[in-house]
Amino acid sequence: MSIQYILELLGTFFFAVSGALAMSEQDREQDWFGATFTGFVTAIGGGSLRDMLLGSYPLVWIDDVRFLYIILVAIICTGLFYKWMQKLRRTLQLFDTLGIALFTIVGTEKALSLGVSPEIAAIMGMFTAVMGGVIRDMLTNEVPVLFKKEIYSSACLCGATLYLIMYGLNVERNTSFLVAIAFIIVLRLLAVKYNVTLPKFRK
């Protein structure tokens, strides 16, 4: 089992948790099916879009049923440890942060393996990371975080760029994975903690 595969499973888990918790941010009640559906769409949305854009079929979660099991485990864990997980989500944006960090690098690596240019690979990495969250926010009537001034998709692009630089320098693959993921996590958490934002776009 490769580190890329393990990271994609972990990213799926964290995004499924994020999706399951999303409705409660607005104090809405939902049943287990609603939580499962929101978690499922959040977890597979970005990777599915990436694979469709790159012409990679079958989609990852269709080809490998383990991803469905991981999503179900995430939903059950969220239900059992709801208050603790909700606190982590609200204070540190923890599950989103872990999800985007893992999916950015997995998506970038997948795009490279399919022969696209480094520039396109970085964009595919970002798409993999953020589009599941965009779909989640639309389902829950939230303004997608992508359209806010937070350091979010920009952190993904920076992390993907760092990974591509290490890739070009022939740094050991697993080391490149871990360093780039850690970079995105640290960048995102520091931005949340110190309220660092991008400049506003003005007319």
Protein backbone atom coordinates (compact mmCIF):
# COMPACT_ATOMS: atom_id res chain seq x y z
CA MET A 1 0.00 0.00 0.00
CA SER A 2 1.64 3.24 -1.17
CA ILE A 3 1.85 6.42 0.87
CA GLN A 4 -0.20 8.20 -1.84
CA TYR A 5 -3.03 5.70 -1.35
CA ILE A 6 -2.89 6.04 2.44
CA LEU A 7 -2.98 9.83 2.19
CA GLU A 8 -5.98 9.72 -0.13
CA LEU A 9 -7.85 7.48 2.31
CA LEU A 10 -7.00 9.83 5.19
CA GLY A 11 -8.07 12.88 3.18
CA THR A 12 -11.35 11.16 2.38
CA PHE A 13 -11.91 10.47 6.08
CA PHE A 14 -11.24 14.05 7.17
CA PHE A 15 -13.41 15.59 4.46
CA ALA A 16 -16.24 13.18 5.24
CA VAL A 17 -16.09 14.35 8.87
CA SER A 18 -16.08 17.97 7.72
CA GLY A 19 -19.13 17.39 5.55
CA ALA A 20 -21.04 15.58 8.29
CA LEU A 21 -20.41 18.45 10.70
CA ALA A 22 -21.26 21.22 8.25
CA MET A 23 -25.03 21.46 8.74
CA SER A 24 -24.71 21.91 12.49
CA GLU A 25 -22.71 25.10 12.01
CA GLN A 26 -26.09 26.78 11.44
CA ASP A 27 -27.71 24.79 14.29
CA ARG A 28 -29.68 22.67 11.86
CA GLU A 29 -30.75 19.18 12.74
CA GLN A 30 -30.16 16.39 10.26
CA ASP A 31 -30.65 12.64 10.31
CA TRP A 32 -27.97 10.05 9.67
CA PHE A 33 -28.78 9.85 5.98
CA GLY A 34 -28.39 13.63 5.59
CA ALA A 35 -25.06 13.58 7.43
CA THR A 36 -23.86 10.64 5.35
CA PHE A 37 -24.87 12.27 2.06
CA THR A 38 -23.21 15.59 2.92
CA GLY A 39 -20.07 13.80 4.10
CA PHE A 40 -19.99 11.61 1.00
CA VAL A 41 -20.30 14.51 -1.44
CA THR A 42 -17.66 16.51 0.44
CA ALA A 43 -15.24 13.60 0.45
CA ILE A 44 -15.52 12.55 -3.20
CA GLY A 45 -16.37 15.86 -4.91
CA GLY A 46 -12.88 17.22 -5.50
CA GLY A 47 -11.32 13.93 -6.56
CA SER A 48 -14.20 13.15 -8.90
CA LEU A 49 -13.90 16.55 -10.60
CA ARG A 50 -10.15 16.07 -10.96
CA ASP A 51 -10.54 12.64 -12.55
CA MET A 52 -13.24 13.85 -14.95
CA LEU A 53 -11.14 16.81 -16.07
CA LEU A 54 -8.11 14.57 -16.57
CA GLY A 55 -10.13 11.82 -18.28
CA SER A 56 -9.19 9.26 -15.64
CA TYR A 57 -11.85 6.54 -15.43
CA PRO A 58 -13.32 4.82 -13.52
CA LEU A 59 -13.48 7.42 -10.77
CA VAL A 60 -11.41 6.51 -7.71
CA TRP A 61 -14.33 5.83 -5.37
CA ILE A 62 -16.11 3.73 -8.01
CA ASP A 63 -13.02 1.64 -8.70
CA ASP A 64 -12.17 1.08 -5.01
CA VAL A 65 -14.97 0.36 -2.53
CA ARG A 66 -12.63 1.05 0.40
CA PHE A 67 -13.32 4.74 -0.05
CA LEU A 68 -17.01 4.14 0.66
CA TYR A 69 -16.12 2.23 3.81
CA ILE A 70 -13.81 5.02 4.96
CA ILE A 71 -16.64 7.54 4.50
CA LEU A 72 -19.02 5.37 6.54
CA VAL A 73 -16.43 5.00 9.32
CA ALA A 74 -15.96 8.78 9.34
CA ILE A 75 -19.71 9.38 9.66
CA ILE A 76 -20.01 6.90 12.53
CA CYS A 77 -17.01 8.43 14.35
CA THR A 78 -18.54 11.88 13.88
CA GLY A 79 -21.82 10.72 15.40
CA LEU A 80 -20.08 9.09 18.37
CA PHE A 81 -17.68 11.95 19.12
CA TYR A 82 -19.77 14.81 17.78
CA LYS A 83 -19.14 17.49 20.44
CA TRP A 84 -15.39 16.98 20.49
CA MET A 85 -15.09 17.00 16.71
CA GLN A 86 -17.33 20.06 16.39
CA LYS A 87 -15.14 21.95 18.84
CA LEU A 88 -12.03 21.13 16.82
CA ARG A 89 -13.75 22.20 13.59
CA ARG A 90 -14.88 25.53 15.00
CA THR A 91 -11.65 26.49 16.74
CA LEU A 92 -8.98 25.30 14.30
CA GLN A 93 -10.86 24.41 11.10
CA LEU A 94 -8.99 21.18 11.73
CA PHE A 95 -10.74 18.70 9.44
CA ASP A 96 -10.84 21.08 6.48
CA THR A 97 -7.15 21.85 6.99
CA LEU A 98 -6.09 18.21 7.12
CA GLY A 99 -8.33 17.40 4.15
CA ILE A 100 -7.02 20.12 1.86
CA ALA A 101 -3.40 19.40 2.78
CA LEU A 102 -3.68 15.71 1.96
CA PHE A 103 -5.83 16.10 -1.15
CA THR A 104 -3.69 18.88 -2.63
CA ILE A 105 -0.60 16.70 -2.79
CA VAL A 106 -2.47 13.55 -3.79
CA GLY A 107 -4.21 15.45 -6.60
CA THR A 108 -0.98 17.02 -7.79
CA GLU A 109 0.78 13.65 -7.86
CA LYS A 110 -2.13 12.00 -9.68
CA ALA A 111 -2.08 14.71 -12.35
CA LEU A 112 1.67 14.34 -12.82
CA SER A 113 1.27 10.58 -13.21
CA LEU A 114 -1.16 11.23 -16.07
CA GLY A 115 1.42 13.29 -17.94
CA VAL A 116 0.16 16.87 -17.56
CA SER A 117 2.45 19.86 -17.14
CA PRO A 118 3.50 20.98 -13.64
CA GLU A 119 1.31 24.09 -13.91
CA ILE A 120 -1.79 22.03 -14.64
CA ALA A 121 -0.82 19.54 -11.94
CA ALA A 122 -0.79 22.34 -9.35
CA ILE A 123 -4.25 23.48 -10.45
CA MET A 124 -5.56 19.91 -10.33
CA GLY A 125 -4.14 19.57 -6.83
CA MET A 126 -6.00 22.69 -5.75
CA PHE A 127 -9.23 21.51 -7.41
CA THR A 128 -8.96 18.16 -5.64
CA ALA A 129 -8.58 19.94 -2.32
CA VAL A 130 -11.20 22.69 -2.49
CA MET A 131 -14.06 21.58 -4.72
CA GLY A 132 -15.52 19.09 -2.26
CA GLY A 133 -15.74 21.91 0.28
CA VAL A 134 -17.33 24.20 -2.29
CA ILE A 135 -20.05 21.63 -2.98
CA ARG A 136 -20.54 21.12 0.78
CA ASP A 137 -20.95 24.85 1.39
CA MET A 138 -23.44 25.17 -1.46
CA LEU A 139 -25.50 22.29 -0.06
CA THR A 140 -25.59 23.96 3.36
CA ASN A 141 -26.35 27.46 2.01
CA GLU A 142 -22.97 28.81 3.07
CA VAL A 143 -20.78 31.15 1.03
CA PRO A 144 -18.03 28.77 -0.18
CA VAL A 145 -14.79 29.41 1.66
CA LEU A 146 -13.13 29.59 -1.75
CA PHE A 147 -14.87 32.96 -2.28
CA LYS A 148 -13.86 34.41 1.06
CA LYS A 149 -10.65 36.27 1.74
CA GLU A 150 -9.19 33.47 3.85
CA ILE A 151 -5.88 31.77 3.12
CA TYR A 152 -7.40 28.57 1.75
CA SER A 153 -7.05 27.75 -1.93
CA SER A 154 -3.91 29.90 -2.02
CA ALA A 155 -2.38 27.66 0.66
CA CYS A 156 -3.13 24.68 -1.58
CA LEU A 157 -1.40 26.31 -4.55
CA CYS A 158 1.63 27.19 -2.44
CA GLY A 159 1.84 23.63 -1.13
CA ALA A 160 1.46 22.16 -4.61
CA THR A 161 4.20 24.48 -5.88
CA LEU A 162 6.52 23.41 -3.07
CA TYR A 163 5.86 19.77 -3.91
CA LEU A 164 6.57 20.38 -7.59
CA ILE A 165 9.85 22.13 -6.76
CA MET A 166 10.95 19.14 -4.67
CA TYR A 167 9.75 16.82 -7.42
CA GLY A 168 11.90 18.71 -9.93
CA LEU A 169 14.90 18.48 -7.59
CA ASN A 170 14.41 14.71 -7.29
CA VAL A 171 13.78 14.84 -3.55
CA GLU A 172 12.67 11.45 -2.22
CA ARG A 173 8.96 11.04 -2.98
CA ASN A 174 7.67 10.27 0.51
CA THR A 175 9.71 13.12 1.97
CA SER A 176 8.23 15.49 -0.59
CA PHE A 177 4.72 14.32 0.31
CA LEU A 178 5.18 14.88 4.03
CA VAL A 179 7.01 18.22 3.78
CA ALA A 180 4.44 19.72 1.40
CA ILE A 181 1.51 18.48 3.50
CA ALA A 182 3.06 19.87 6.68
CA PHE A 183 3.64 23.20 4.92
CA ILE A 184 -0.04 23.53 3.94
CA ILE A 185 -1.22 22.60 7.45
CA VAL A 186 1.09 25.09 9.15
CA LEU A 187 0.28 27.87 6.68
CA ARG A 188 -3.47 27.35 7.06
CA LEU A 189 -3.42 27.08 10.87
CA LEU A 190 -1.27 30.20 11.23
CA ALA A 191 -3.61 32.10 8.91
CA VAL A 192 -6.63 31.05 11.02
CA LYS A 193 -4.92 31.77 14.34
CA TYR A 194 -3.64 35.22 13.38
CA ASN A 195 -6.51 36.12 11.04
CA VAL A 196 -4.22 36.56 8.06
CA THR A 197 -6.17 37.20 4.85
CA LEU A 198 -5.54 38.01 1.23
CA PRO A 199 -5.93 41.60 0.01
CA LYS A 200 -9.44 42.53 -1.14
CA PHE A 201 -10.11 42.86 -4.85
CA ARG A 202 -11.35 46.39 -5.44
CA LYS A 203 -12.70 48.18 -8.46
